[in-house]
């Protein structure tokens, strides 16, 4: 997967190439970086960080239903994410992004961190 925008800066930049595990073998946790099918633009993939799980209330009047996650970009000023389109069903999540393999000078495992 190739990162296409600045929504995950500083950890990810346009042109970064990621390995994505479609079956990570564990439930997602807050802080995971995931790839999902854009709920607003068919055929487009997004990279976001999990900031809310089922039962969480990430914002006024918003709750994350069972079988869904709340996702945000690390760069909130440039990210279109769950703050705009709400929680997303797990079915649109392609997988866990776990390693940046290119460019070579930026090879690294992705961090699981809380916002």
PDB file of N, CA and C in Angstrom:
ATOM      1  N   UNK A   1       0.848  -1.158   0.000  1.00  0.00           N
ATOM      2  CA  UNK A   1       0.000   0.000   0.000  1.00  0.00           C
ATOM      3  C   UNK A   1       0.898   1.226   0.000  1.00  0.00           C
ATOM      4  N   UNK A   2       0.559   2.225  -0.802  1.00  0.00           N
ATOM      5  CA  UNK A   2       1.318   3.470  -0.882  1.00  0.00           C
ATOM      6  C   UNK A   2       0.508   4.584  -0.217  1.00  0.00           C
ATOM      7  N   UNK A   3       1.133   5.310   0.700  1.00  0.00           N
ATOM      8  CA  UNK A   3       0.486   6.445   1.355  1.00  0.00           C
ATOM      9  C   UNK A   3       0.349   7.567   0.324  1.00  0.00           C
ATOM     10  N   UNK A   4      -0.843   8.154   0.238  1.00  0.00           N
ATOM     11  CA  UNK A   4      -1.118   9.161  -0.795  1.00  0.00           C
ATOM     12  C   UNK A   4      -1.280  10.578  -0.267  1.00  0.00           C
ATOM     13  N   UNK A   5      -1.404  10.763   1.059  1.00  0.00           N
ATOM     14  CA  UNK A   5      -1.647  12.117   1.556  1.00  0.00           C
ATOM     15  C   UNK A   5      -0.869  12.379   2.846  1.00  0.00           C
ATOM     16  N   UNK A   6      -1.070  13.569   3.403  1.00  0.00           N
ATOM     17  CA  UNK A   6      -0.334  14.007   4.591  1.00  0.00           C
ATOM     18  C   UNK A   6      -1.082  13.764   5.899  1.00  0.00           C
ATOM     19  N   UNK A   7      -2.178  13.026   5.877  1.00  0.00           N
ATOM     20  CA  UNK A   7      -3.020  12.894   7.068  1.00  0.00           C
ATOM     21  C   UNK A   7      -2.363  12.141   8.223  1.00  0.00           C
ATOM     22  N   UNK A   8      -1.301  11.387   7.963  1.00  0.00           N
ATOM     23  CA  UNK A   8      -0.652  10.622   9.036  1.00  0.00           C
ATOM     24  C   UNK A   8       0.745  11.154   9.369  1.00  0.00           C
ATOM     25  N   UNK A   9       1.072  12.355   8.907  1.00  0.00           N
ATOM     26  CA  UNK A   9       2.360  12.950   9.281  1.00  0.00           C
ATOM     27  C   UNK A   9       2.365  13.199  10.767  1.00  0.00           C
ATOM     28  N   UNK A  10       3.457  13.039  11.455  1.00  0.00           N
ATOM     29  CA  UNK A  10       4.803  12.846  10.940  1.00  0.00           C
ATOM     30  C   UNK A  10       5.197  11.384  10.728  1.00  0.00           C
ATOM     31  N   UNK A  11       4.410  10.426  11.227  1.00  0.00           N
ATOM     32  CA  UNK A  11       4.847   9.022  11.105  1.00  0.00           C
ATOM     33  C   UNK A  11       4.875   8.540   9.662  1.00  0.00           C
ATOM     34  N   UNK A  12       3.881   8.918   8.876  1.00  0.00           N
ATOM     35  CA  UNK A  12       3.811   8.476   7.482  1.00  0.00           C
ATOM     36  C   UNK A  12       3.720   9.678   6.557  1.00  0.00           C
ATOM     37  N   UNK A  13       4.398   9.572   5.421  1.00  0.00           N
ATOM     38  CA  UNK A  13       4.421  10.653   4.442  1.00  0.00           C
ATOM     39  C   UNK A  13       4.004  10.108   3.077  1.00  0.00           C
ATOM     40  N   UNK A  14       3.525  10.990   2.190  1.00  0.00           N
ATOM     41  CA  UNK A  14       3.197  10.539   0.839  1.00  0.00           C
ATOM     42  C   UNK A  14       4.381   9.813   0.203  1.00  0.00           C
ATOM     43  N   UNK A  15       4.085   8.685  -0.422  1.00  0.00           N
ATOM     44  CA  UNK A  15       5.115   7.870  -1.056  1.00  0.00           C
ATOM     45  C   UNK A  15       5.621   6.732  -0.193  1.00  0.00           C
ATOM     46  N   UNK A  16       5.376   6.797   1.128  1.00  0.00           N
ATOM     47  CA  UNK A  16       5.763   5.672   1.984  1.00  0.00           C
ATOM     48  C   UNK A  16       5.002   4.422   1.535  1.00  0.00           C
ATOM     49  N   UNK A  17       5.691   3.292   1.569  1.00  0.00           N
ATOM     50  CA  UNK A  17       5.078   2.019   1.191  1.00  0.00           C
ATOM     51  C   UNK A  17       4.971   1.139   2.431  1.00  0.00           C
ATOM     52  N   UNK A  18       3.767   0.570   2.621  1.00  0.00           N
ATOM     53  CA  UNK A  18       3.464  -0.164   3.846  1.00  0.00           C
ATOM     54  C   UNK A  18       3.135  -1.619   3.578  1.00  0.00           C
ATOM     55  N   UNK A  19       3.548  -2.464   4.522  1.00  0.00           N
ATOM     56  CA  UNK A  19       3.058  -3.838   4.533  1.00  0.00           C
ATOM     57  C   UNK A  19       1.818  -3.856   5.407  1.00  0.00           C
ATOM     58  N   UNK A  20       0.791  -4.506   4.892  1.00  0.00           N
ATOM     59  CA  UNK A  20      -0.494  -4.555   5.584  1.00  0.00           C
ATOM     60  C   UNK A  20      -0.875  -6.003   5.799  1.00  0.00           C
ATOM     61  N   UNK A  21      -1.183  -6.344   7.043  1.00  0.00           N
ATOM     62  CA  UNK A  21      -1.606  -7.701   7.389  1.00  0.00           C
ATOM     63  C   UNK A  21      -3.132  -7.750   7.394  1.00  0.00           C
ATOM     64  N   UNK A  22      -3.743  -8.460   6.428  1.00  0.00           N
ATOM     65  CA  UNK A  22      -5.201  -8.516   6.376  1.00  0.00           C
ATOM     66  C   UNK A  22      -5.806  -9.345   7.511  1.00  0.00           C
ATOM     67  N   UNK A  23      -5.009 -10.170   8.145  1.00  0.00           N
ATOM     68  CA  UNK A  23      -5.485 -10.996   9.268  1.00  0.00           C
ATOM     69  C   UNK A  23      -4.468 -10.900  10.402  1.00  0.00           C
ATOM     70  N   UNK A  24      -4.513  -9.821  11.175  1.00  0.00           N
ATOM     71  CA  UNK A  24      -3.456  -9.610  12.165  1.00  0.00           C
ATOM     72  C   UNK A  24      -3.431 -10.620  13.309  1.00  0.00           C
ATOM     73  N   UNK A  25      -4.459 -11.458  13.454  1.00  0.00           N
ATOM     74  CA  UNK A  25      -4.424 -12.484  14.491  1.00  0.00           C
ATOM     75  C   UNK A  25      -4.780 -11.975  15.873  1.00  0.00           C
ATOM     76  N   UNK A  26      -5.222 -10.738  15.946  1.00  0.00           N
ATOM     77  CA  UNK A  26      -5.660 -10.161  17.210  1.00  0.00           C
ATOM     78  C   UNK A  26      -6.637  -9.035  16.904  1.00  0.00           C
ATOM     79  N   UNK A  27      -7.487  -8.696  17.869  1.00  0.00           N
ATOM     80  CA  UNK A  27      -8.369  -7.547  17.636  1.00  0.00           C
ATOM     81  C   UNK A  27      -7.547  -6.259  17.548  1.00  0.00           C
ATOM     82  N   UNK A  28      -8.080  -5.273  16.878  1.00  0.00           N
ATOM     83  CA  UNK A  28      -7.424  -3.975  16.825  1.00  0.00           C
ATOM     84  C   UNK A  28      -7.439  -3.349  18.216  1.00  0.00           C
ATOM     85  N   UNK A  29      -6.400  -2.584  18.503  1.00  0.00           N
ATOM     86  CA  UNK A  29      -6.312  -1.852  19.769  1.00  0.00           C
ATOM     87  C   UNK A  29      -6.136  -0.377  19.458  1.00  0.00           C
ATOM     88  N   UNK A  30      -6.476   0.471  20.431  1.00  0.00           N
ATOM     89  CA  UNK A  30      -6.263   1.896  20.255  1.00  0.00           C
ATOM     90  C   UNK A  30      -4.792   2.140  19.935  1.00  0.00           C
ATOM     91  N   UNK A  31      -4.563   2.933  18.920  1.00  0.00           N
ATOM     92  CA  UNK A  31      -3.198   3.249  18.518  1.00  0.00           C
ATOM     93  C   UNK A  31      -2.723   2.501  17.292  1.00  0.00           C
ATOM     94  N   UNK A  32      -3.395   1.413  16.911  1.00  0.00           N
ATOM     95  CA  UNK A  32      -3.014   0.689  15.693  1.00  0.00           C
ATOM     96  C   UNK A  32      -3.197   1.571  14.466  1.00  0.00           C
ATOM     97  N   UNK A  33      -2.337   1.394  13.478  1.00  0.00           N
ATOM     98  CA  UNK A  33      -2.480   2.048  12.181  1.00  0.00           C
ATOM     99  C   UNK A  33      -3.129   1.025  11.247  1.00  0.00           C
ATOM    100  N   UNK A  34      -4.246   1.427  10.627  1.00  0.00           N
ATOM    101  CA  UNK A  34      -4.979   0.510   9.756  1.00  0.00           C
ATOM    102  C   UNK A  34      -5.200   1.122   8.383  1.00  0.00           C
ATOM    103  N   UNK A  35      -5.426   0.252   7.414  1.00  0.00           N
ATOM    104  CA  UNK A  35      -5.817   0.657   6.067  1.00  0.00           C
ATOM    105  C   UNK A  35      -7.288   0.302   5.914  1.00  0.00           C
ATOM    106  N   UNK A  36      -8.052   1.219   5.343  1.00  0.00           N
ATOM    107  CA  UNK A  36      -9.483   0.983   5.158  1.00  0.00           C
ATOM    108  C   UNK A  36      -9.927   1.476   3.794  1.00  0.00           C
ATOM    109  N   UNK A  37     -11.049   0.926   3.356  1.00  0.00           N
ATOM    110  CA  UNK A  37     -11.690   1.430   2.145  1.00  0.00           C
ATOM    111  C   UNK A  37     -12.423   2.719   2.528  1.00  0.00           C
ATOM    112  N   UNK A  38     -12.154   3.794   1.805  1.00  0.00           N
ATOM    113  CA  UNK A  38     -12.753   5.095   2.095  1.00  0.00           C
ATOM    114  C   UNK A  38     -14.272   4.978   2.055  1.00  0.00           C
ATOM    115  N   UNK A  39     -14.956   5.307   3.167  1.00  0.00           N
ATOM    116  CA  UNK A  39     -16.411   5.193   3.169  1.00  0.00           C
ATOM    117  C   UNK A  39     -17.107   6.232   2.297  1.00  0.00           C
ATOM    118  N   UNK A  40     -16.362   7.239   1.846  1.00  0.00           N
ATOM    119  CA  UNK A  40     -16.960   8.301   1.024  1.00  0.00           C
ATOM    120  C   UNK A  40     -16.549   8.253  -0.445  1.00  0.00           C
ATOM    121  N   UNK A  41     -15.416   7.624  -0.746  1.00  0.00           N
ATOM    122  CA  UNK A  41     -14.916   7.583  -2.126  1.00  0.00           C
ATOM    123  C   UNK A  41     -14.619   6.138  -2.515  1.00  0.00           C
ATOM    124  N   UNK A  42     -15.520   5.487  -3.242  1.00  0.00           N
ATOM    125  CA  UNK A  42     -15.296   4.091  -3.631  1.00  0.00           C
ATOM    126  C   UNK A  42     -13.980   3.920  -4.385  1.00  0.00           C
ATOM    127  N   UNK A  43     -13.272   2.851  -4.062  1.00  0.00           N
ATOM    128  CA  UNK A  43     -12.024   2.526  -4.731  1.00  0.00           C
ATOM    129  C   UNK A  43     -10.794   3.173  -4.127  1.00  0.00           C
ATOM    130  N   UNK A  44     -10.959   4.074  -3.181  1.00  0.00           N
ATOM    131  CA  UNK A  44      -9.824   4.757  -2.556  1.00  0.00           C
ATOM    132  C   UNK A  44      -9.519   4.120  -1.202  1.00  0.00           C
ATOM    133  N   UNK A  45      -8.236   3.972  -0.896  1.00  0.00           N
ATOM    134  CA  UNK A  45      -7.815   3.459   0.405  1.00  0.00           C
ATOM    135  C   UNK A  45      -7.289   4.601   1.266  1.00  0.00           C
ATOM    136  N   UNK A  46      -7.541   4.505   2.569  1.00  0.00           N
ATOM    137  CA  UNK A  46      -7.060   5.476   3.534  1.00  0.00           C
ATOM    138  C   UNK A  46      -6.192   4.781   4.576  1.00  0.00           C
ATOM    139  N   UNK A  47      -5.315   5.538   5.210  1.00  0.00           N
ATOM    140  CA  UNK A  47      -4.514   5.044   6.327  1.00  0.00           C
ATOM    141  C   UNK A  47      -4.851   5.925   7.520  1.00  0.00           C
ATOM    142  N   UNK A  48      -5.289   5.314   8.617  1.00  0.00           N
ATOM    143  CA  UNK A  48      -5.683   6.059   9.816  1.00  0.00           C
ATOM    144  C   UNK A  48      -5.271   5.288  11.060  1.00  0.00           C
ATOM    145  N   UNK A  49      -5.366   5.962  12.201  1.00  0.00           N
ATOM    146  CA  UNK A  49      -5.043   5.343  13.487  1.00  0.00           C
ATOM    147  C   UNK A  49      -6.341   5.064  14.256  1.00  0.00           C
ATOM    148  N   UNK A  50      -6.431   3.889  14.873  1.00  0.00           N
ATOM    149  CA  UNK A  50      -7.587   3.534  15.698  1.00  0.00           C
ATOM    150  C   UNK A  50      -7.526   4.367  16.975  1.00  0.00           C
ATOM    151  N   UNK A  51      -8.574   5.168  17.198  1.00  0.00           N
ATOM    152  CA  UNK A  51      -8.631   5.974  18.419  1.00  0.00           C
ATOM    153  C   UNK A  51      -9.838   5.628  19.277  1.00  0.00           C
ATOM    154  N   UNK A  52     -10.727   4.793  18.760  1.00  0.00           N
ATOM    155  CA  UNK A  52     -11.894   4.394  19.540  1.00  0.00           C
ATOM    156  C   UNK A  52     -12.357   3.006  19.170  1.00  0.00           C
ATOM    157  N   UNK A  53     -12.795   2.266  20.182  1.00  0.00           N
ATOM    158  CA  UNK A  53     -13.297   0.896  20.008  1.00  0.00           C
ATOM    159  C   UNK A  53     -14.760   0.830  20.428  1.00  0.00           C
ATOM    160  N   UNK A  54     -15.403  -0.288  20.143  1.00  0.00           N
ATOM    161  CA  UNK A  54     -16.813  -0.472  20.488  1.00  0.00           C
ATOM    162  C   UNK A  54     -17.058  -0.084  21.941  1.00  0.00           C
ATOM    163  N   UNK A  55     -18.086   0.734  22.142  1.00  0.00           N
ATOM    164  CA  UNK A  55     -18.448   1.181  23.483  1.00  0.00           C
ATOM    165  C   UNK A  55     -17.837   2.514  23.872  1.00  0.00           C
ATOM    166  N   UNK A  56     -16.799   2.973  23.148  1.00  0.00           N
ATOM    167  CA  UNK A  56     -16.177   4.264  23.459  1.00  0.00           C
ATOM    168  C   UNK A  56     -17.084   5.408  23.024  1.00  0.00           C
ATOM    169  N   UNK A  57     -16.895   6.556  23.667  1.00  0.00           N
ATOM    170  CA  UNK A  57     -17.597   7.785  23.298  1.00  0.00           C
ATOM    171  C   UNK A  57     -16.533   8.834  22.961  1.00  0.00           C
ATOM    172  N   UNK A  58     -16.025   8.807  21.706  1.00  0.00           N
ATOM    173  CA  UNK A  58     -14.904   9.670  21.334  1.00  0.00           C
ATOM    174  C   UNK A  58     -15.243  11.152  21.202  1.00  0.00           C
ATOM    175  N   UNK A  59     -16.524  11.489  21.187  1.00  0.00           N
ATOM    176  CA  UNK A  59     -16.909  12.893  21.050  1.00  0.00           C
ATOM    177  C   UNK A  59     -18.338  13.083  21.492  1.00  0.00           C
ATOM    178  N   UNK A  60     -18.733  14.327  21.718  1.00  0.00           N
ATOM    179  CA  UNK A  60     -20.117  14.598  22.140  1.00  0.00           C
ATOM    180  C   UNK A  60     -21.122  14.025  21.141  1.00  0.00           C
ATOM    181  N   UNK A  61     -22.030  13.236  21.649  1.00  0.00           N
ATOM    182  CA  UNK A  61     -23.069  12.649  20.800  1.00  0.00           C
ATOM    183  C   UNK A  61     -22.598  11.519  19.911  1.00  0.00           C
ATOM    184  N   UNK A  62     -21.364  11.084  20.064  1.00  0.00           N
ATOM    185  CA  UNK A  62     -20.828  10.006  19.229  1.00  0.00           C
ATOM    186  C   UNK A  62     -20.458   8.823  20.100  1.00  0.00           C
ATOM    187  N   UNK A  63     -20.917   7.649  19.700  1.00  0.00           N
ATOM    188  CA  UNK A  63     -20.480   6.425  20.368  1.00  0.00           C
ATOM    189  C   UNK A  63     -20.111   5.421  19.286  1.00  0.00           C
ATOM    190  N   UNK A  64     -19.184   4.545  19.624  1.00  0.00           N
ATOM    191  CA  UNK A  64     -18.713   3.558  18.658  1.00  0.00           C
ATOM    192  C   UNK A  64     -19.525   2.287  18.855  1.00  0.00           C
ATOM    193  N   UNK A  65     -20.325   1.894  17.852  1.00  0.00           N
ATOM    194  CA  UNK A  65     -21.136   0.692  18.001  1.00  0.00           C
ATOM    195  C   UNK A  65     -20.295  -0.588  17.922  1.00  0.00           C
ATOM    196  N   UNK A  66     -20.869  -1.656  18.396  1.00  0.00           N
ATOM    197  CA  UNK A  66     -20.228  -2.976  18.309  1.00  0.00           C
ATOM    198  C   UNK A  66     -19.899  -3.262  16.847  1.00  0.00           C
ATOM    199  N   UNK A  67     -18.719  -3.826  16.596  1.00  0.00           N
ATOM    200  CA  UNK A  67     -18.314  -4.166  15.240  1.00  0.00           C
ATOM    201  C   UNK A  67     -17.787  -2.988  14.441  1.00  0.00           C
ATOM    202  N   UNK A  68     -17.444  -1.892  15.125  1.00  0.00           N
ATOM    203  CA  UNK A  68     -16.940  -0.699  14.452  1.00  0.00           C
ATOM    204  C   UNK A  68     -15.724  -0.162  15.186  1.00  0.00           C
ATOM    205  N   UNK A  69     -15.003   0.755  14.529  1.00  0.00           N
ATOM    206  CA  UNK A  69     -13.881   1.465  15.131  1.00  0.00           C
ATOM    207  C   UNK A  69     -13.992   2.942  14.775  1.00  0.00           C
ATOM    208  N   UNK A  70     -13.350   3.767  15.583  1.00  0.00           N
ATOM    209  CA  UNK A  70     -13.266   5.199  15.331  1.00  0.00           C
ATOM    210  C   UNK A  70     -11.835   5.471  14.911  1.00  0.00           C
ATOM    211  N   UNK A  71     -11.641   6.175  13.802  1.00  0.00           N
ATOM    212  CA  UNK A  71     -10.322   6.347  13.202  1.00  0.00           C
ATOM    213  C   UNK A  71     -10.005   7.817  13.009  1.00  0.00           C
ATOM    214  N   UNK A  72      -8.747   8.189  13.293  1.00  0.00           N
ATOM    215  CA  UNK A  72      -8.298   9.553  13.073  1.00  0.00           C
ATOM    216  C   UNK A  72      -6.904   9.545  12.458  1.00  0.00           C
ATOM    217  N   UNK A  73      -6.611  10.581  11.690  1.00  0.00           N
ATOM    218  CA  UNK A  73      -5.265  10.763  11.189  1.00  0.00           C
ATOM    219  C   UNK A  73      -4.412  11.431  12.248  1.00  0.00           C
ATOM    220  N   UNK A  74      -3.104  11.216  12.207  1.00  0.00           N
ATOM    221  CA  UNK A  74      -2.197  11.838  13.173  1.00  0.00           C
ATOM    222  C   UNK A  74      -2.079  13.351  12.959  1.00  0.00           C
ATOM    223  N   UNK A  75      -2.406  13.816  11.760  1.00  0.00           N
ATOM    224  CA  UNK A  75      -2.328  15.231  11.408  1.00  0.00           C
ATOM    225  C   UNK A  75      -3.770  15.741  11.249  1.00  0.00           C
ATOM    226  N   UNK A  76      -4.407  16.146  12.354  1.00  0.00           N
ATOM    227  CA  UNK A  76      -5.842  16.440  12.306  1.00  0.00           C
ATOM    228  C   UNK A  76      -6.243  17.553  11.348  1.00  0.00           C
ATOM    229  N   UNK A  77      -5.357  18.508  11.101  1.00  0.00           N
ATOM    230  CA  UNK A  77      -5.703  19.602  10.191  1.00  0.00           C
ATOM    231  C   UNK A  77      -5.816  19.145   8.739  1.00  0.00           C
ATOM    232  N   UNK A  78      -5.190  18.009   8.403  1.00  0.00           N
ATOM    233  CA  UNK A  78      -5.192  17.528   7.013  1.00  0.00           C
ATOM    234  C   UNK A  78      -5.846  16.153   6.868  1.00  0.00           C
ATOM    235  N   UNK A  79      -6.616  15.740   7.859  1.00  0.00           N
ATOM    236  CA  UNK A  79      -7.182  14.393   7.822  1.00  0.00           C
ATOM    237  C   UNK A  79      -8.701  14.414   7.757  1.00  0.00           C
ATOM    238  N   UNK A  80      -9.226  13.695   6.795  1.00  0.00           N
ATOM    239  CA  UNK A  80     -10.667  13.431   6.741  1.00  0.00           C
ATOM    240  C   UNK A  80     -10.826  12.040   7.333  1.00  0.00           C
ATOM    241  N   UNK A  81     -11.546  11.942   8.440  1.00  0.00           N
ATOM    242  CA  UNK A  81     -11.584  10.699   9.202  1.00  0.00           C
ATOM    243  C   UNK A  81     -12.907  10.566   9.931  1.00  0.00           C
ATOM    244  N   UNK A  82     -12.947   9.778  10.988  1.00  0.00           N
ATOM    245  CA  UNK A  82     -14.201   9.532  11.708  1.00  0.00           C
ATOM    246  C   UNK A  82     -14.810  10.798  12.297  1.00  0.00           C
ATOM    247  N   UNK A  83     -14.023  11.830  12.481  1.00  0.00           N
ATOM    248  CA  UNK A  83     -14.599  13.101  12.946  1.00  0.00           C
ATOM    249  C   UNK A  83     -15.563  13.653  11.896  1.00  0.00           C
ATOM    250  N   UNK A  84     -15.362  13.284  10.630  1.00  0.00           N
ATOM    251  CA  UNK A  84     -16.242  13.725   9.542  1.00  0.00           C
ATOM    252  C   UNK A  84     -17.276  12.661   9.189  1.00  0.00           C
ATOM    253  N   UNK A  85     -16.849  11.391   9.067  1.00  0.00           N
ATOM    254  CA  UNK A  85     -17.768  10.347   8.595  1.00  0.00           C
ATOM    255  C   UNK A  85     -18.203   9.365   9.667  1.00  0.00           C
ATOM    256  N   UNK A  86     -17.783   9.562  10.895  1.00  0.00           N
ATOM    257  CA  UNK A  86     -18.238   8.725  12.004  1.00  0.00           C
ATOM    258  C   UNK A  86     -17.491   7.402  12.103  1.00  0.00           C
ATOM    259  N   UNK A  87     -17.880   6.579  13.067  1.00  0.00           N
ATOM    260  CA  UNK A  87     -17.256   5.265  13.213  1.00  0.00           C
ATOM    261  C   UNK A  87     -17.449   4.446  11.943  1.00  0.00           C
ATOM    262  N   UNK A  88     -16.496   3.553  11.673  1.00  0.00           N
ATOM    263  CA  UNK A  88     -16.600   2.723  10.476  1.00  0.00           C
ATOM    264  C   UNK A  88     -16.716   1.252  10.870  1.00  0.00           C
ATOM    265  N   UNK A  89     -17.509   0.494  10.120  1.00  0.00           N
ATOM    266  CA  UNK A  89     -17.622  -0.938  10.400  1.00  0.00           C
ATOM    267  C   UNK A  89     -16.293  -1.643  10.143  1.00  0.00           C
ATOM    268  N   UNK A  90     -16.007  -2.653  10.936  1.00  0.00           N
ATOM    269  CA  UNK A  90     -14.765  -3.412  10.756  1.00  0.00           C
ATOM    270  C   UNK A  90     -14.668  -4.000   9.352  1.00  0.00           C
ATOM    271  N   UNK A  91     -15.786  -4.213   8.696  1.00  0.00           N
ATOM    272  CA  UNK A  91     -15.793  -4.772   7.352  1.00  0.00           C
ATOM    273  C   UNK A  91     -15.113  -3.903   6.302  1.00  0.00           C
ATOM    274  N   UNK A  92     -14.953  -2.600   6.557  1.00  0.00           N
ATOM    275  CA  UNK A  92     -14.269  -1.740   5.581  1.00  0.00           C
ATOM    276  C   UNK A  92     -12.773  -1.647   5.868  1.00  0.00           C
ATOM    277  N   UNK A  93     -12.345  -2.200   7.007  1.00  0.00           N
ATOM    278  CA  UNK A  93     -10.921  -2.183   7.341  1.00  0.00           C
ATOM    279  C   UNK A  93     -10.225  -3.304   6.581  1.00  0.00           C
ATOM    280  N   UNK A  94      -9.234  -2.944   5.781  1.00  0.00           N
ATOM    281  CA  UNK A  94      -8.490  -3.904   4.957  1.00  0.00           C
ATOM    282  C   UNK A  94      -7.503  -4.693   5.812  1.00  0.00           C
ATOM    283  N   UNK A  95      -6.855  -4.015   6.767  1.00  0.00           N
ATOM    284  CA  UNK A  95      -5.906  -4.714   7.617  1.00  0.00           C
ATOM    285  C   UNK A  95      -5.048  -3.772   8.440  1.00  0.00           C
ATOM    286  N   UNK A  96      -4.153  -4.370   9.189  1.00  0.00           N
ATOM    287  CA  UNK A  96      -3.233  -3.667  10.073  1.00  0.00           C
ATOM    288  C   UNK A  96      -1.966  -3.303   9.310  1.00  0.00           C
ATOM    289  N   UNK A  97      -1.661  -2.005   9.238  1.00  0.00           N
ATOM    290  CA  UNK A  97      -0.405  -1.558   8.632  1.00  0.00           C
ATOM    291  C   UNK A  97       0.652  -1.681   9.719  1.00  0.00           C
ATOM    292  N   UNK A  98       1.685  -2.479   9.455  1.00  0.00           N
ATOM    293  CA  UNK A  98       2.618  -2.754  10.549  1.00  0.00           C
ATOM    294  C   UNK A  98       4.074  -2.404  10.232  1.00  0.00           C
ATOM    295  N   UNK A  99       4.403  -2.167   8.956  1.00  0.00           N
ATOM    296  CA  UNK A  99       5.805  -1.900   8.628  1.00  0.00           C
ATOM    297  C   UNK A  99       5.905  -1.005   7.402  1.00  0.00           C
ATOM    298  N   UNK A 100       6.759   0.023   7.485  1.00  0.00           N
ATOM    299  CA  UNK A 100       7.072   0.861   6.322  1.00  0.00           C
ATOM    300  C   UNK A 100       8.351   0.297   5.711  1.00  0.00           C
ATOM    301  N   UNK A 101       8.257  -0.207   4.470  1.00  0.00           N
ATOM    302  CA  UNK A 101       9.426  -0.822   3.841  1.00  0.00           C
ATOM    303  C   UNK A 101      10.119   0.090   2.836  1.00  0.00           C
ATOM    304  N   UNK A 102       9.498   1.184   2.467  1.00  0.00           N
ATOM    305  CA  UNK A 102      10.139   2.145   1.570  1.00  0.00           C
ATOM    306  C   UNK A 102       9.574   3.531   1.880  1.00  0.00           C
ATOM    307  N   UNK A 103      10.399   4.533   1.715  1.00  0.00           N
ATOM    308  CA  UNK A 103      11.763   4.509   1.205  1.00  0.00           C
ATOM    309  C   UNK A 103      12.724   3.823   2.174  1.00  0.00           C
ATOM    310  N   UNK A 104      13.822   3.335   1.624  1.00  0.00           N
ATOM    311  CA  UNK A 104      14.772   2.520   2.389  1.00  0.00           C
ATOM    312  C   UNK A 104      15.301   3.231   3.625  1.00  0.00           C
ATOM    313  N   UNK A 105      15.517   4.531   3.535  1.00  0.00           N
ATOM    314  CA  UNK A 105      16.074   5.247   4.688  1.00  0.00           C
ATOM    315  C   UNK A 105      15.047   5.491   5.794  1.00  0.00           C
ATOM    316  N   UNK A 106      13.790   5.108   5.558  1.00  0.00           N
ATOM    317  CA  UNK A 106      12.734   5.267   6.574  1.00  0.00           C
ATOM    318  C   UNK A 106      12.122   3.927   6.979  1.00  0.00           C
ATOM    319  N   UNK A 107      12.772   2.817   6.635  1.00  0.00           N
ATOM    320  CA  UNK A 107      12.245   1.495   7.014  1.00  0.00           C
ATOM    321  C   UNK A 107      12.076   1.423   8.524  1.00  0.00           C
ATOM    322  N   UNK A 108      10.885   0.984   8.944  1.00  0.00           N
ATOM    323  CA  UNK A 108      10.639   0.877  10.386  1.00  0.00           C
ATOM    324  C   UNK A 108       9.276   0.247  10.635  1.00  0.00           C
ATOM    325  N   UNK A 109       9.175  -0.409  11.780  1.00  0.00           N
ATOM    326  CA  UNK A 109       7.873  -0.882  12.243  1.00  0.00           C
ATOM    327  C   UNK A 109       7.041   0.337  12.621  1.00  0.00           C
ATOM    328  N   UNK A 110       5.735   0.275  12.362  1.00  0.00           N
ATOM    329  CA  UNK A 110       4.863   1.382  12.732  1.00  0.00           C
ATOM    330  C   UNK A 110       4.530   1.295  14.221  1.00  0.00           C
ATOM    331  N   UNK A 111       4.388   2.444  14.827  1.00  0.00           N
ATOM    332  CA  UNK A 111       4.115   2.459  16.254  1.00  0.00           C
ATOM    333  C   UNK A 111       2.637   2.281  16.529  1.00  0.00           C
ATOM    334  N   UNK A 112       2.351   1.638  17.624  1.00  0.00           N
ATOM    335  CA  UNK A 112       0.993   1.592  18.155  1.00  0.00           C
ATOM    336  C   UNK A 112       1.017   2.575  19.312  1.00  0.00           C
ATOM    337  N   UNK A 113       0.429   3.737  19.086  1.00  0.00           N
ATOM    338  CA  UNK A 113       0.468   4.767  20.117  1.00  0.00           C
ATOM    339  C   UNK A 113      -0.905   5.406  20.259  1.00  0.00           C
ATOM    340  N   UNK A 114      -1.137   5.909  21.428  1.00  0.00           N
ATOM    341  CA  UNK A 114      -2.383   6.629  21.679  1.00  0.00           C
ATOM    342  C   UNK A 114      -2.218   8.067  21.253  1.00  0.00           C
ATOM    343  N   UNK A 115      -3.284   8.634  20.734  1.00  0.00           N
ATOM    344  CA  UNK A 115      -3.255  10.057  20.345  1.00  0.00           C
ATOM    345  C   UNK A 115      -3.349  10.918  21.569  1.00  0.00           C
TER     346      UNK A 115
END
